[in-house]
Amino acid sequence: FGFDCRSTEDYRGSDEVFYRHRSRRILSEKVKGDFKIKALILAAGYATRLYPLTKEFPKPLLKIKDRPIIDYIIAKLNAITAIDGIFIVTNNKFIGQFQRWKKSVRFNKRIVLVNDLTKSNSDRLGAIGDINFVIEHKQVNDDLLVIGGDNLFSANLKLFLSFGYRHKPGSTIGVYKLGRVKDAAKYGVVKLNRSKQVIEFAEKPRRPKSNLVAMCLYYIPKEHLGLVKDYMKLRQKKVDATGKYIDWLKGKINTYGFIFQGRWYDVGDHKYLKQAKENFA
């Protein structure tokens, strides 16, 4: 979906102004100590709704304005000093294309490609499964920033991380406010209280109670990385929607939502890919 929330009713209060002033100081000061963040880009899906474009080609490498989608994400990560490494999890089918892409570009951060060993949509691990795979196989023990590999947004990630750091040891998710409540039925719908804590979450409800939706963007403090594994043991299906995890997580620890401003494109099918190509800048 492509949206611009700048014309919608302001839900954020003074949050963005507050974190815009604090983010540079927090993220620059803490990196001098033992505060480090690892970033994880989820790129192991098979994007069946974008066939035939993605039948033999990974969605994060599709180009928007002559740049692969993933390049926009990495540009935002490069701007954050506290991030000292980036993992990109993909699958056995597309690992070769990501290796060729990696050789063709320059990065300021160390980038590690991770193959989750799946070969098709039928044996995929899903987003939470891939997060767990990377945490276990790469022995992640720092705070973790997770971003969907098809997430295109104009806002500054520093504000999100500043908010997440301030709300530790709670977890934080990225949230976007749509212009119309009915459009939220296609997403995981979030309800926040005045403290921006997630108090309700519904995955693709028929009648949404809110126009706030989850963006596949998570800040997981190192103190709670183990909860991903705990959830994997309890899940009822092999591949669960990420919303199921958020709904479960909010009952375990305080989980907060940071409301992003500006433009956001969820590149899920041909219609919204076309919108992103036409409008994202």
C-alpha atoms as a PDB file:
ATOM      1  CA  PHE A   1       0.000   0.000   0.000  1.00  0.00           C
ATOM      2  CA  GLY A   2       1.185   3.551  -0.614  1.00  0.00           C
ATOM      3  CA  PHE A   3       0.095   6.247   1.831  1.00  0.00           C
ATOM      4  CA  ASP A   4       0.958   9.776   2.842  1.00  0.00           C
ATOM      5  CA  CYS A   5      -0.245  10.584   6.350  1.00  0.00           C
ATOM      6  CA  ARG A   6       0.816  14.208   6.442  1.00  0.00           C
ATOM      7  CA  SER A   7      -2.733  15.364   5.741  1.00  0.00           C
ATOM      8  CA  THR A   8      -4.383  13.145   8.365  1.00  0.00           C
ATOM      9  CA  GLU A   9      -5.332  14.048  11.938  1.00  0.00           C
ATOM     10  CA  ASP A  10      -2.266  14.262  14.176  1.00  0.00           C
ATOM     11  CA  TYR A  11      -2.198  11.352  16.623  1.00  0.00           C
ATOM     12  CA  ARG A  12       1.408  11.692  17.729  1.00  0.00           C
ATOM     13  CA  GLY A  13       1.094  14.705  20.036  1.00  0.00           C
ATOM     14  CA  SER A  14       4.604  16.087  20.537  1.00  0.00           C
ATOM     15  CA  ASP A  15       6.395  12.728  20.158  1.00  0.00           C
ATOM     16  CA  GLU A  16       8.141  13.339  16.851  1.00  0.00           C
ATOM     17  CA  VAL A  17       9.317  16.800  17.888  1.00  0.00           C
ATOM     18  CA  PHE A  18      10.567  15.378  21.215  1.00  0.00           C
ATOM     19  CA  TYR A  19      12.459  12.458  19.640  1.00  0.00           C
ATOM     20  CA  ARG A  20      13.834  14.543  16.798  1.00  0.00           C
ATOM     21  CA  HIS A  21      15.718  16.592  19.407  1.00  0.00           C
ATOM     22  CA  ARG A  22      16.764  13.570  21.493  1.00  0.00           C
ATOM     23  CA  SER A  23      17.631  10.962  18.857  1.00  0.00           C
ATOM     24  CA  ARG A  24      21.017  12.316  17.762  1.00  0.00           C
ATOM     25  CA  ARG A  25      22.239  12.740  21.348  1.00  0.00           C
ATOM     26  CA  ILE A  26      20.985   9.344  22.573  1.00  0.00           C
ATOM     27  CA  LEU A  27      22.337   7.335  19.663  1.00  0.00           C
ATOM     28  CA  SER A  28      25.687   9.126  19.552  1.00  0.00           C
ATOM     29  CA  GLU A  29      26.321   9.066  23.311  1.00  0.00           C
ATOM     30  CA  LYS A  30      25.335   5.454  23.896  1.00  0.00           C
ATOM     31  CA  VAL A  31      27.510   4.077  21.100  1.00  0.00           C
ATOM     32  CA  LYS A  32      30.551   5.347  23.035  1.00  0.00           C
ATOM     33  CA  GLY A  33      29.713   2.829  25.752  1.00  0.00           C
ATOM     34  CA  ASP A  34      28.512  -0.723  25.287  1.00  0.00           C
ATOM     35  CA  PHE A  35      25.321   0.119  23.391  1.00  0.00           C
ATOM     36  CA  LYS A  36      25.277  -1.585  20.004  1.00  0.00           C
ATOM     37  CA  ILE A  37      22.499  -2.492  17.627  1.00  0.00           C
ATOM     38  CA  LYS A  38      22.380  -5.202  15.003  1.00  0.00           C
ATOM     39  CA  ALA A  39      20.007  -4.742  12.069  1.00  0.00           C
ATOM     40  CA  LEU A  40      18.184  -7.576  10.330  1.00  0.00           C
ATOM     41  CA  ILE A  41      16.515  -7.207   6.939  1.00  0.00           C
ATOM     42  CA  LEU A  42      13.913  -9.886   6.191  1.00  0.00           C
ATOM     43  CA  ALA A  43      14.346 -10.967   2.570  1.00  0.00           C
ATOM     44  CA  ALA A  44      13.532 -14.678   2.588  1.00  0.00           C
ATOM     45  CA  GLY A  45       9.941 -14.523   1.351  1.00  0.00           C
ATOM     46  CA  TYR A  46       8.813 -15.764  -2.067  1.00  0.00           C
ATOM     47  CA  ALA A  47       6.436 -12.873  -2.933  1.00  0.00           C
ATOM     48  CA  THR A  48       3.891 -15.027  -4.761  1.00  0.00           C
ATOM     49  CA  ARG A  49       1.487 -12.090  -5.193  1.00  0.00           C
ATOM     50  CA  LEU A  50       4.055 -10.425  -7.446  1.00  0.00           C
ATOM     51  CA  TYR A  51       4.474 -13.364  -9.816  1.00  0.00           C
ATOM     52  CA  PRO A  52       5.763 -13.540 -12.531  1.00  0.00           C
ATOM     53  CA  LEU A  53       8.125 -10.680 -11.540  1.00  0.00           C
ATOM     54  CA  THR A  54       9.325 -12.477  -8.427  1.00  0.00           C
ATOM     55  CA  LYS A  55       9.104 -16.091  -9.532  1.00  0.00           C
ATOM     56  CA  GLU A  56      12.826 -16.141 -10.210  1.00  0.00           C
ATOM     57  CA  PHE A  57      13.814 -12.819  -8.635  1.00  0.00           C
ATOM     58  CA  PRO A  58      13.692 -11.600  -4.999  1.00  0.00           C
ATOM     59  CA  LYS A  59      11.313  -8.756  -4.206  1.00  0.00           C
ATOM     60  CA  PRO A  60      13.838  -6.654  -2.211  1.00  0.00           C
ATOM     61  CA  LEU A  61      16.002  -6.401  -5.339  1.00  0.00           C
ATOM     62  CA  LEU A  62      13.184  -5.018  -7.507  1.00  0.00           C
ATOM     63  CA  LYS A  63      14.034  -1.477  -8.544  1.00  0.00           C
ATOM     64  CA  ILE A  64      12.234   1.717  -7.550  1.00  0.00           C
ATOM     65  CA  LYS A  65      13.570   4.778  -9.378  1.00  0.00           C
ATOM     66  CA  ASP A  66      16.572   2.749 -10.632  1.00  0.00           C
ATOM     67  CA  ARG A  67      17.557   1.531  -7.135  1.00  0.00           C
ATOM     68  CA  PRO A  68      16.734  -1.824  -5.542  1.00  0.00           C
ATOM     69  CA  ILE A  69      14.244  -1.530  -2.668  1.00  0.00           C
ATOM     70  CA  ILE A  70      16.829  -2.893  -0.248  1.00  0.00           C
ATOM     71  CA  ASP A  71      19.260  -0.065  -1.097  1.00  0.00           C
ATOM     72  CA  TYR A  72      16.839   2.493   0.361  1.00  0.00           C
ATOM     73  CA  ILE A  73      16.662   0.496   3.591  1.00  0.00           C
ATOM     74  CA  ILE A  74      20.430   0.158   3.880  1.00  0.00           C
ATOM     75  CA  ALA A  75      20.906   3.886   3.248  1.00  0.00           C
ATOM     76  CA  LYS A  76      18.801   4.562   6.353  1.00  0.00           C
ATOM     77  CA  LEU A  77      20.775   2.006   8.390  1.00  0.00           C
ATOM     78  CA  ASN A  78      24.106   3.482   7.255  1.00  0.00           C
ATOM     79  CA  ALA A  79      23.107   6.803   8.823  1.00  0.00           C
ATOM     80  CA  ILE A  80      22.883   5.310  12.328  1.00  0.00           C
ATOM     81  CA  THR A  81      26.218   5.131  14.153  1.00  0.00           C
ATOM     82  CA  ALA A  82      25.030   2.677  16.813  1.00  0.00           C
ATOM     83  CA  ILE A  83      24.301   0.003  14.193  1.00  0.00           C
ATOM     84  CA  ASP A  84      27.507  -1.993  13.852  1.00  0.00           C
ATOM     85  CA  GLY A  85      26.327  -4.801  11.597  1.00  0.00           C
ATOM     86  CA  ILE A  86      23.540  -5.751   9.191  1.00  0.00           C
ATOM     87  CA  PHE A  87      22.185  -9.242   8.583  1.00  0.00           C
ATOM     88  CA  ILE A  88      20.138  -9.970   5.476  1.00  0.00           C
ATOM     89  CA  VAL A  89      18.258 -13.247   5.688  1.00  0.00           C
ATOM     90  CA  THR A  90      17.257 -14.792   2.372  1.00  0.00           C
ATOM     91  CA  ASN A  91      16.654 -18.310   1.089  1.00  0.00           C
ATOM     92  CA  ASN A  92      18.432 -21.013  -0.864  1.00  0.00           C
ATOM     93  CA  LYS A  93      16.640 -20.025  -4.069  1.00  0.00           C
ATOM     94  CA  PHE A  94      17.753 -16.376  -4.058  1.00  0.00           C
ATOM     95  CA  ILE A  95      21.035 -16.399  -2.120  1.00  0.00           C
ATOM     96  CA  GLY A  96      23.091 -16.265  -5.331  1.00  0.00           C
ATOM     97  CA  GLN A  97      21.335 -13.120  -6.548  1.00  0.00           C
ATOM     98  CA  PHE A  98      21.924 -11.397  -3.223  1.00  0.00           C
ATOM     99  CA  GLN A  99      25.605 -12.378  -3.366  1.00  0.00           C
ATOM    100  CA  ARG A 100      25.926 -10.782  -6.808  1.00  0.00           C
ATOM    101  CA  TRP A 101      24.067  -7.682  -5.597  1.00  0.00           C
ATOM    102  CA  LYS A 102      26.360  -7.376  -2.578  1.00  0.00           C
ATOM    103  CA  LYS A 103      29.449  -7.403  -4.800  1.00  0.00           C
ATOM    104  CA  SER A 104      28.048  -4.595  -6.940  1.00  0.00           C
ATOM    105  CA  VAL A 105      27.507  -1.996  -4.197  1.00  0.00           C
ATOM    106  CA  ARG A 106      29.497  -0.333  -1.410  1.00  0.00           C
ATOM    107  CA  PHE A 107      28.391  -0.188   2.212  1.00  0.00           C
ATOM    108  CA  ASN A 108      29.480   1.661   5.338  1.00  0.00           C
ATOM    109  CA  LYS A 109      28.420  -1.244   7.554  1.00  0.00           C
ATOM    110  CA  ARG A 110      29.447  -4.870   7.674  1.00  0.00           C
ATOM    111  CA  ILE A 111      26.778  -6.909   5.880  1.00  0.00           C
ATOM    112  CA  VAL A 112      26.288 -10.637   6.410  1.00  0.00           C
ATOM    113  CA  LEU A 113      24.031 -12.677   4.130  1.00  0.00           C
ATOM    114  CA  VAL A 114      22.211 -15.539   5.856  1.00  0.00           C
ATOM    115  CA  ASN A 115      20.652 -18.449   3.958  1.00  0.00           C
ATOM    116  CA  ASP A 116      17.651 -19.879   5.826  1.00  0.00           C
ATOM    117  CA  LEU A 117      17.986 -23.006   3.618  1.00  0.00           C
ATOM    118  CA  THR A 118      14.375 -22.991   2.391  1.00  0.00           C
ATOM    119  CA  LYS A 119      13.748 -23.610  -1.311  1.00  0.00           C
ATOM    120  CA  SER A 120      10.115 -22.707  -1.928  1.00  0.00           C
ATOM    121  CA  ASN A 121       7.092 -20.907  -0.535  1.00  0.00           C
ATOM    122  CA  SER A 122       5.770 -24.187   0.848  1.00  0.00           C
ATOM    123  CA  ASP A 123       8.726 -24.692   3.213  1.00  0.00           C
ATOM    124  CA  ARG A 124       9.368 -21.031   4.122  1.00  0.00           C
ATOM    125  CA  LEU A 125      10.048 -20.189   7.756  1.00  0.00           C
ATOM    126  CA  GLY A 126       8.004 -16.987   7.877  1.00  0.00           C
ATOM    127  CA  ALA A 127       9.148 -13.676   9.350  1.00  0.00           C
ATOM    128  CA  ILE A 128       9.299 -14.780  12.988  1.00  0.00           C
ATOM    129  CA  GLY A 129      10.928 -18.073  11.998  1.00  0.00           C
ATOM    130  CA  ASP A 130      13.614 -16.184  10.097  1.00  0.00           C
ATOM    131  CA  ILE A 131      14.226 -13.796  13.004  1.00  0.00           C
ATOM    132  CA  ASN A 132      14.685 -16.810  15.266  1.00  0.00           C
ATOM    133  CA  PHE A 133      16.951 -18.496  12.684  1.00  0.00           C
ATOM    134  CA  VAL A 134      19.313 -15.511  12.568  1.00  0.00           C
ATOM    135  CA  ILE A 135      19.355 -14.982  16.345  1.00  0.00           C
ATOM    136  CA  GLU A 136      20.310 -18.640  16.886  1.00  0.00           C
ATOM    137  CA  HIS A 137      22.696 -19.231  13.969  1.00  0.00           C
ATOM    138  CA  LYS A 138      24.511 -15.896  14.270  1.00  0.00           C
ATOM    139  CA  GLN A 139      24.408 -15.827  18.077  1.00  0.00           C
ATOM    140  CA  VAL A 140      22.957 -12.318  18.235  1.00  0.00           C
ATOM    141  CA  ASN A 141      23.256 -10.801  21.707  1.00  0.00           C
ATOM    142  CA  ASP A 142      22.779  -7.097  20.997  1.00  0.00           C
ATOM    143  CA  ASP A 143      19.600  -5.076  20.599  1.00  0.00           C
ATOM    144  CA  LEU A 144      18.039  -6.001  17.259  1.00  0.00           C
ATOM    145  CA  LEU A 145      16.326  -3.771  14.703  1.00  0.00           C
ATOM    146  CA  VAL A 146      14.213  -5.827  12.278  1.00  0.00           C
ATOM    147  CA  ILE A 147      12.929  -4.429   8.969  1.00  0.00           C
ATOM    148  CA  GLY A 148      10.880  -6.098   6.266  1.00  0.00           C
ATOM    149  CA  GLY A 149      12.845  -6.164   3.013  1.00  0.00           C
ATOM    150  CA  ASP A 150       9.960  -4.577   1.095  1.00  0.00           C
ATOM    151  CA  ASN A 151       9.470  -1.633   3.475  1.00  0.00           C
ATOM    152  CA  LEU A 152       9.738   1.720   1.708  1.00  0.00           C
ATOM    153  CA  PHE A 153       9.290   4.756   3.946  1.00  0.00           C
ATOM    154  CA  SER A 154      10.489   8.348   4.026  1.00  0.00           C
ATOM    155  CA  ALA A 155      10.756   8.855   7.797  1.00  0.00           C
ATOM    156  CA  ASN A 156      13.951   8.911   9.828  1.00  0.00           C
ATOM    157  CA  LEU A 157      14.833   5.647  11.588  1.00  0.00           C
ATOM    158  CA  LYS A 158      16.783   7.521  14.261  1.00  0.00           C
ATOM    159  CA  LEU A 159      13.538   8.745  15.792  1.00  0.00           C
ATOM    160  CA  PHE A 160      12.224   5.184  15.985  1.00  0.00           C
ATOM    161  CA  LEU A 161      15.397   3.882  17.632  1.00  0.00           C
ATOM    162  CA  SER A 162      15.471   6.760  20.108  1.00  0.00           C
ATOM    163  CA  PHE A 163      11.888   5.941  21.102  1.00  0.00           C
ATOM    164  CA  GLY A 164      12.739   2.222  21.359  1.00  0.00           C
ATOM    165  CA  TYR A 165      15.810   2.867  23.492  1.00  0.00           C
ATOM    166  CA  ARG A 166      13.888   5.114  25.873  1.00  0.00           C
ATOM    167  CA  HIS A 167      11.209   2.429  26.339  1.00  0.00           C
ATOM    168  CA  LYS A 168      13.608  -0.439  27.089  1.00  0.00           C
ATOM    169  CA  PRO A 169      13.342  -3.148  28.281  1.00  0.00           C
ATOM    170  CA  GLY A 170       9.999  -3.012  26.492  1.00  0.00           C
ATOM    171  CA  SER A 171       9.803  -3.848  22.800  1.00  0.00           C
ATOM    172  CA  THR A 172       8.766  -1.358  20.103  1.00  0.00           C
ATOM    173  CA  ILE A 173       7.025  -1.789  16.759  1.00  0.00           C
ATOM    174  CA  GLY A 174       6.726   0.630  13.863  1.00  0.00           C
ATOM    175  CA  VAL A 175       3.163   1.843  13.314  1.00  0.00           C
ATOM    176  CA  TYR A 176       1.605   3.892  10.512  1.00  0.00           C
ATOM    177  CA  LYS A 177      -1.611   5.864  10.526  1.00  0.00           C
ATOM    178  CA  LEU A 178      -3.737   5.361   7.423  1.00  0.00           C
ATOM    179  CA  GLY A 179      -6.101   8.007   6.147  1.00  0.00           C
ATOM    180  CA  ARG A 180      -9.154   5.702   6.260  1.00  0.00           C
ATOM    181  CA  VAL A 181     -10.067   3.129   8.896  1.00  0.00           C
ATOM    182  CA  LYS A 182     -11.471   0.700   6.307  1.00  0.00           C
ATOM    183  CA  ASP A 183      -8.061   0.412   4.602  1.00  0.00           C
ATOM    184  CA  ALA A 184      -6.647  -1.058   7.813  1.00  0.00           C
ATOM    185  CA  ALA A 185      -8.525  -4.334   7.199  1.00  0.00           C
ATOM    186  CA  LYS A 186      -5.611  -5.474   5.007  1.00  0.00           C
ATOM    187  CA  TYR A 187      -3.075  -5.183   7.838  1.00  0.00           C
ATOM    188  CA  GLY A 188      -2.349  -5.934  11.458  1.00  0.00           C
ATOM    189  CA  VAL A 189      -4.335  -3.270  13.305  1.00  0.00           C
ATOM    190  CA  VAL A 190      -2.933  -1.662  16.451  1.00  0.00           C
ATOM    191  CA  LYS A 191      -4.578   0.219  19.287  1.00  0.00           C
ATOM    192  CA  LEU A 192      -2.350   2.312  21.571  1.00  0.00           C
ATOM    193  CA  ASN A 193      -2.980   3.980  24.902  1.00  0.00           C
ATOM    194  CA  ARG A 194      -1.765   7.473  25.834  1.00  0.00           C
ATOM    195  CA  SER A 195       1.662   6.092  26.696  1.00  0.00           C
ATOM    196  CA  LYS A 196       1.887   4.588  23.180  1.00  0.00           C
ATOM    197  CA  GLN A 197       1.702   1.087  24.640  1.00  0.00           C
ATOM    198  CA  VAL A 198       0.036  -1.559  22.462  1.00  0.00           C
ATOM    199  CA  ILE A 199      -3.182  -2.580  24.209  1.00  0.00           C
ATOM    200  CA  GLU A 200      -4.934  -4.334  21.316  1.00  0.00           C
ATOM    201  CA  PHE A 201      -3.771  -6.052  18.154  1.00  0.00           C
ATOM    202  CA  ALA A 202      -5.895  -7.700  15.453  1.00  0.00           C
ATOM    203  CA  GLU A 203      -4.583  -9.390  12.302  1.00  0.00           C
ATOM    204  CA  LYS A 204      -6.573  -8.265   9.220  1.00  0.00           C
ATOM    205  CA  PRO A 205      -9.887  -7.699  11.023  1.00  0.00           C
ATOM    206  CA  ARG A 206     -13.093  -7.353   9.000  1.00  0.00           C
ATOM    207  CA  ARG A 207     -14.088  -4.269  10.975  1.00  0.00           C
ATOM    208  CA  PRO A 208     -10.965  -2.443  12.136  1.00  0.00           C
ATOM    209  CA  LYS A 209     -11.227  -0.422  15.343  1.00  0.00           C
ATOM    210  CA  SER A 210      -8.283   1.782  14.436  1.00  0.00           C
ATOM    211  CA  ASN A 211      -6.455   3.150  11.417  1.00  0.00           C
ATOM    212  CA  LEU A 212      -3.058   2.417  13.006  1.00  0.00           C
ATOM    213  CA  VAL A 213      -1.313  -0.530  11.332  1.00  0.00           C
ATOM    214  CA  ALA A 214       1.923  -2.455  11.941  1.00  0.00           C
ATOM    215  CA  MET A 215       4.757  -1.926   9.428  1.00  0.00           C
ATOM    216  CA  CYS A 216       6.983  -5.034   9.837  1.00  0.00           C
ATOM    217  CA  LEU A 217       9.517  -2.977  11.742  1.00  0.00           C
ATOM    218  CA  TYR A 218      10.589  -4.041  15.234  1.00  0.00           C
ATOM    219  CA  TYR A 219      13.033  -2.988  17.925  1.00  0.00           C
ATOM    220  CA  ILE A 220      13.862  -5.989  20.130  1.00  0.00           C
ATOM    221  CA  PRO A 221      16.017  -5.280  23.224  1.00  0.00           C
ATOM    222  CA  LYS A 222      18.700  -7.879  23.851  1.00  0.00           C
ATOM    223  CA  GLU A 223      17.067  -8.691  27.202  1.00  0.00           C
ATOM    224  CA  HIS A 224      14.105 -10.193  25.351  1.00  0.00           C
ATOM    225  CA  LEU A 225      15.625 -11.864  22.287  1.00  0.00           C
ATOM    226  CA  GLY A 226      14.820 -15.202  23.937  1.00  0.00           C
ATOM    227  CA  LEU A 227      11.091 -14.499  23.673  1.00  0.00           C
ATOM    228  CA  VAL A 228      11.285 -15.133  19.928  1.00  0.00           C
ATOM    229  CA  LYS A 229      12.408 -18.702  20.624  1.00  0.00           C
ATOM    230  CA  ASP A 230       9.754 -19.093  23.321  1.00  0.00           C
ATOM    231  CA  TYR A 231       7.073 -18.092  20.832  1.00  0.00           C
ATOM    232  CA  MET A 232       8.392 -20.528  18.228  1.00  0.00           C
ATOM    233  CA  LYS A 233       7.860 -23.373  20.688  1.00  0.00           C
ATOM    234  CA  LEU A 234       4.249 -22.357  21.331  1.00  0.00           C
ATOM    235  CA  ARG A 235       2.993 -21.429  17.860  1.00  0.00           C
ATOM    236  CA  GLN A 236       0.204 -23.526  16.396  1.00  0.00           C
ATOM    237  CA  LYS A 237       1.267 -23.276  12.759  1.00  0.00           C
ATOM    238  CA  LYS A 238       4.639 -23.660  11.069  1.00  0.00           C
ATOM    239  CA  VAL A 239       4.308 -20.186   9.546  1.00  0.00           C
ATOM    240  CA  ASP A 240       2.498 -17.623  11.674  1.00  0.00           C
ATOM    241  CA  ALA A 241       1.614 -14.078  10.674  1.00  0.00           C
ATOM    242  CA  THR A 242       3.841 -11.562  12.462  1.00  0.00           C
ATOM    243  CA  GLY A 243       0.696 -10.117  14.012  1.00  0.00           C
ATOM    244  CA  LYS A 244       0.210 -13.312  16.002  1.00  0.00           C
ATOM    245  CA  TYR A 245       3.614 -12.763  17.554  1.00  0.00           C
ATOM    246  CA  ILE A 246       2.886  -9.117  18.417  1.00  0.00           C
ATOM    247  CA  ASP A 247      -0.424 -10.066  19.999  1.00  0.00           C
ATOM    248  CA  TRP A 248       1.358 -12.728  22.085  1.00  0.00           C
ATOM    249  CA  LEU A 249       4.297 -10.435  22.921  1.00  0.00           C
ATOM    250  CA  LYS A 250       2.167  -7.619  24.356  1.00  0.00           C
ATOM    251  CA  GLY A 251       0.944 -10.074  26.981  1.00  0.00           C
ATOM    252  CA  LYS A 252       4.514 -10.935  28.000  1.00  0.00           C
ATOM    253  CA  ILE A 253       6.267  -7.564  28.119  1.00  0.00           C
ATOM    254  CA  ASN A 254       5.357  -3.925  27.579  1.00  0.00           C
ATOM    255  CA  THR A 255       5.189  -3.395  23.829  1.00  0.00           C
ATOM    256  CA  TYR A 256       5.042   0.112  22.370  1.00  0.00           C
ATOM    257  CA  GLY A 257       4.148   1.605  19.016  1.00  0.00           C
ATOM    258  CA  PHE A 258       6.064   4.443  17.386  1.00  0.00           C
ATOM    259  CA  ILE A 259       3.933   6.244  14.803  1.00  0.00           C
ATOM    260  CA  PHE A 260       5.848   6.992  11.602  1.00  0.00           C
ATOM    261  CA  GLN A 261       5.157  10.140   9.580  1.00  0.00           C
ATOM    262  CA  GLY A 262       5.656  10.821   5.883  1.00  0.00           C
ATOM    263  CA  ARG A 263       5.227   8.221   3.148  1.00  0.00           C
ATOM    264  CA  TRP A 264       5.087   4.442   3.498  1.00  0.00           C
ATOM    265  CA  TYR A 265       4.762   1.834   0.768  1.00  0.00           C
ATOM    266  CA  ASP A 266       4.006  -1.792   1.513  1.00  0.00           C
ATOM    267  CA  VAL A 267       5.088  -3.381  -1.775  1.00  0.00           C
ATOM    268  CA  GLY A 268       2.791  -6.394  -1.643  1.00  0.00           C
ATOM    269  CA  ASP A 269       1.399  -6.775  -5.147  1.00  0.00           C
ATOM    270  CA  HIS A 270       1.541  -5.286  -8.663  1.00  0.00           C
ATOM    271  CA  LYS A 271      -0.811  -2.395  -7.882  1.00  0.00           C
ATOM    272  CA  TYR A 272       1.221  -1.084  -4.964  1.00  0.00           C
ATOM    273  CA  LEU A 273       4.554  -1.756  -6.666  1.00  0.00           C
ATOM    274  CA  LYS A 274       3.329   0.494  -9.475  1.00  0.00           C
ATOM    275  CA  GLN A 275       2.342   3.177  -6.956  1.00  0.00           C
ATOM    276  CA  ALA A 276       5.766   3.037  -5.339  1.00  0.00           C
ATOM    277  CA  LYS A 277       7.504   3.355  -8.708  1.00  0.00           C
ATOM    278  CA  GLU A 278       5.401   6.367  -9.592  1.00  0.00           C
ATOM    279  CA  ASN A 279       5.398   8.231  -6.286  1.00  0.00           C
ATOM    280  CA  PHE A 280       8.292   7.234  -4.017  1.00  0.00           C
ATOM    281  CA  ALA A 281      11.214   9.607  -4.026  1.00  0.00           C
END
